[in-house]
Amino acid sequence: MRDYVRVLHVPVARQPAEQAGHSTPDGLQHLLAGAKWERDGIRDDLQQYVTDELGESDGVPIIDDTGF
């Protein structure tokens, strides 16, 4: 997942798997097409990451999608 997200943020002239350094596209194809996701676990991991990396003791999260 980390490799897939990383290649989304760079101009890609090659296939995403190749850009990420994978020898074949199999892993990323499985991630996108066949992997089973535990939504609650992913949500909890993301929440913990945001809290640890971006959180402040007196912070307030604001989500604003009007920047598009």
N, C-alpha and C. Protein backbone atom coordinates (compact mmCIF):
# COMPACT_ATOMS: atom_id res chain seq x y z
N MET A 1 0.83 -1.19 0.00
CA MET A 1 0.00 0.00 0.00
C MET A 1 0.87 1.24 0.00
N ARG A 2 1.90 1.25 0.83
CA ARG A 2 2.79 2.41 0.92
C ARG A 2 3.41 2.72 -0.45
N ASP A 3 3.86 1.69 -1.14
CA ASP A 3 4.46 1.90 -2.46
C ASP A 3 3.45 2.46 -3.44
N TYR A 4 2.23 1.96 -3.41
CA TYR A 4 1.20 2.43 -4.33
C TYR A 4 0.90 3.91 -4.08
N VAL A 5 0.72 4.29 -2.83
CA VAL A 5 0.42 5.68 -2.50
C VAL A 5 1.60 6.57 -2.87
N ARG A 6 2.82 6.09 -2.64
CA ARG A 6 4.01 6.88 -2.96
C ARG A 6 4.08 7.20 -4.45
N VAL A 7 3.79 6.23 -5.32
CA VAL A 7 3.88 6.49 -6.75
C VAL A 7 2.73 7.36 -7.27
N LEU A 8 1.68 7.51 -6.50
CA LEU A 8 0.60 8.40 -6.91
C LEU A 8 1.02 9.86 -6.84
N HIS A 9 2.07 10.15 -6.08
CA HIS A 9 2.48 11.53 -5.84
C HIS A 9 3.64 11.99 -6.70
N VAL A 10 4.04 11.22 -7.66
CA VAL A 10 5.16 11.60 -8.53
C VAL A 10 4.73 11.46 -9.99
N PRO A 11 5.31 12.29 -10.86
CA PRO A 11 5.01 12.10 -12.27
C PRO A 11 5.53 10.73 -12.71
N VAL A 12 4.69 9.94 -13.33
CA VAL A 12 5.07 8.57 -13.67
C VAL A 12 5.15 8.41 -15.18
N ALA A 13 6.34 8.08 -15.65
CA ALA A 13 6.51 7.77 -17.06
C ALA A 13 6.50 6.25 -17.26
N ARG A 14 6.60 5.52 -16.13
CA ARG A 14 6.61 4.06 -16.17
C ARG A 14 5.37 3.54 -15.46
N GLN A 15 5.20 2.23 -15.50
CA GLN A 15 4.10 1.61 -14.77
C GLN A 15 4.31 1.84 -13.26
N PRO A 16 3.22 1.99 -12.49
CA PRO A 16 3.37 2.23 -11.05
C PRO A 16 4.22 1.19 -10.32
N ALA A 17 4.08 -0.09 -10.64
CA ALA A 17 4.87 -1.12 -9.96
C ALA A 17 6.36 -0.92 -10.26
N GLU A 18 6.67 -0.62 -11.50
CA GLU A 18 8.06 -0.39 -11.89
C GLU A 18 8.60 0.86 -11.19
N GLN A 19 7.81 1.91 -11.14
CA GLN A 19 8.21 3.15 -10.47
C GLN A 19 8.48 2.89 -8.99
N ALA A 20 7.72 2.00 -8.38
CA ALA A 20 7.89 1.69 -6.96
C ALA A 20 9.05 0.74 -6.71
N GLY A 21 9.66 0.20 -7.78
CA GLY A 21 10.80 -0.69 -7.61
C GLY A 21 10.45 -2.16 -7.57
N HIS A 22 9.22 -2.50 -7.91
CA HIS A 22 8.80 -3.90 -7.93
C HIS A 22 9.22 -4.54 -9.26
N SER A 23 9.61 -5.80 -9.22
CA SER A 23 10.03 -6.48 -10.45
C SER A 23 8.84 -6.90 -11.31
N THR A 24 7.68 -7.09 -10.70
CA THR A 24 6.46 -7.43 -11.45
C THR A 24 5.30 -6.60 -10.89
N PRO A 25 4.23 -6.46 -11.65
CA PRO A 25 3.07 -5.71 -11.16
C PRO A 25 2.12 -6.52 -10.29
N ASP A 26 2.45 -7.79 -10.04
CA ASP A 26 1.51 -8.69 -9.35
C ASP A 26 1.03 -8.17 -8.00
N GLY A 27 1.95 -7.68 -7.18
CA GLY A 27 1.58 -7.24 -5.84
C GLY A 27 0.62 -6.06 -5.85
N LEU A 28 0.91 -5.06 -6.67
CA LEU A 28 0.02 -3.90 -6.73
C LEU A 28 -1.31 -4.27 -7.37
N GLN A 29 -1.29 -5.15 -8.36
CA GLN A 29 -2.55 -5.59 -8.97
C GLN A 29 -3.42 -6.32 -7.95
N HIS A 30 -2.79 -7.15 -7.12
CA HIS A 30 -3.56 -7.83 -6.07
C HIS A 30 -4.12 -6.82 -5.08
N LEU A 31 -3.30 -5.84 -4.69
CA LEU A 31 -3.75 -4.82 -3.74
C LEU A 31 -5.00 -4.12 -4.26
N LEU A 32 -5.01 -3.76 -5.54
CA LEU A 32 -6.11 -3.00 -6.11
C LEU A 32 -7.32 -3.85 -6.49
N ALA A 33 -7.08 -5.10 -6.90
CA ALA A 33 -8.18 -5.89 -7.44
C ALA A 33 -8.65 -7.03 -6.55
N GLY A 34 -7.78 -7.58 -5.70
CA GLY A 34 -8.19 -8.78 -5.00
C GLY A 34 -8.01 -8.80 -3.50
N ALA A 35 -7.34 -7.80 -2.95
CA ALA A 35 -7.07 -7.81 -1.52
C ALA A 35 -8.36 -7.59 -0.73
N LYS A 36 -8.48 -8.28 0.38
CA LYS A 36 -9.61 -8.07 1.28
C LYS A 36 -9.18 -7.06 2.34
N TRP A 37 -10.01 -6.06 2.57
CA TRP A 37 -9.67 -4.96 3.47
C TRP A 37 -10.51 -5.06 4.74
N GLU A 38 -9.88 -4.81 5.86
CA GLU A 38 -10.59 -4.69 7.13
C GLU A 38 -10.78 -3.20 7.38
N ARG A 39 -11.94 -2.69 6.98
CA ARG A 39 -12.18 -1.25 7.04
C ARG A 39 -11.97 -0.65 8.42
N ASP A 40 -12.45 -1.34 9.45
CA ASP A 40 -12.31 -0.80 10.80
C ASP A 40 -10.84 -0.70 11.20
N GLY A 41 -10.05 -1.71 10.85
CA GLY A 41 -8.63 -1.70 11.18
C GLY A 41 -7.88 -0.60 10.44
N ILE A 42 -8.21 -0.40 9.17
CA ILE A 42 -7.57 0.66 8.39
C ILE A 42 -7.94 2.02 8.96
N ARG A 43 -9.20 2.21 9.29
CA ARG A 43 -9.64 3.47 9.90
C ARG A 43 -8.90 3.73 11.20
N ASP A 44 -8.79 2.71 12.03
CA ASP A 44 -8.10 2.87 13.31
C ASP A 44 -6.62 3.18 13.12
N ASP A 45 -5.97 2.52 12.15
CA ASP A 45 -4.55 2.80 11.87
C ASP A 45 -4.37 4.22 11.39
N LEU A 46 -5.25 4.68 10.49
CA LEU A 46 -5.16 6.04 9.98
C LEU A 46 -5.38 7.05 11.09
N GLN A 47 -6.36 6.80 11.92
CA GLN A 47 -6.64 7.70 13.04
C GLN A 47 -5.44 7.79 13.97
N GLN A 48 -4.81 6.67 14.27
CA GLN A 48 -3.64 6.66 15.14
C GLN A 48 -2.48 7.40 14.50
N TYR A 49 -2.27 7.20 13.19
CA TYR A 49 -1.20 7.89 12.47
C TYR A 49 -1.40 9.41 12.52
N VAL A 50 -2.62 9.86 12.21
CA VAL A 50 -2.90 11.29 12.22
C VAL A 50 -2.68 11.87 13.61
N THR A 51 -3.13 11.16 14.62
CA THR A 51 -2.95 11.62 15.99
C THR A 51 -1.48 11.71 16.35
N ASP A 52 -0.71 10.68 16.03
CA ASP A 52 0.71 10.64 16.39
C ASP A 52 1.54 11.64 15.60
N GLU A 53 1.29 11.75 14.30
CA GLU A 53 2.15 12.55 13.43
C GLU A 53 1.70 14.00 13.27
N LEU A 54 0.42 14.24 13.33
CA LEU A 54 -0.09 15.58 13.04
C LEU A 54 -0.80 16.23 14.23
N GLY A 55 -1.11 15.44 15.22
CA GLY A 55 -1.92 15.93 16.32
C GLY A 55 -1.18 16.86 17.27
N GLU A 56 -1.92 17.73 17.89
CA GLU A 56 -1.43 18.62 18.94
C GLU A 56 -2.41 18.51 20.09
N SER A 57 -1.92 18.72 21.30
CA SER A 57 -2.78 18.52 22.47
C SER A 57 -4.00 19.43 22.44
N ASP A 58 -3.91 20.61 21.85
CA ASP A 58 -5.05 21.51 21.78
C ASP A 58 -5.56 21.68 20.35
N GLY A 59 -5.20 20.74 19.47
CA GLY A 59 -5.57 20.84 18.06
C GLY A 59 -7.01 20.46 17.79
N VAL A 60 -7.51 20.95 16.66
CA VAL A 60 -8.85 20.64 16.19
C VAL A 60 -8.75 20.24 14.72
N PRO A 61 -9.20 19.03 14.36
CA PRO A 61 -9.12 18.64 12.94
C PRO A 61 -10.17 19.37 12.10
N ILE A 62 -9.74 19.86 10.96
CA ILE A 62 -10.65 20.51 10.02
C ILE A 62 -10.43 19.87 8.66
N ILE A 63 -11.46 19.32 8.09
CA ILE A 63 -11.38 18.72 6.77
C ILE A 63 -12.12 19.64 5.81
N ASP A 64 -11.39 20.12 4.80
CA ASP A 64 -11.94 21.09 3.86
C ASP A 64 -11.59 20.65 2.45
N ASP A 65 -12.57 20.19 1.71
CA ASP A 65 -12.30 19.71 0.36
C ASP A 65 -12.56 20.78 -0.70
N THR A 66 -12.70 22.03 -0.31
CA THR A 66 -12.98 23.08 -1.28
C THR A 66 -11.73 23.52 -2.03
N GLY A 67 -10.56 22.98 -1.69
CA GLY A 67 -9.32 23.34 -2.36
C GLY A 67 -9.24 22.84 -3.78
N PHE A 68 -10.12 21.92 -4.16
CA PHE A 68 -10.11 21.42 -5.54
C PHE A 68 -10.77 22.45 -6.42
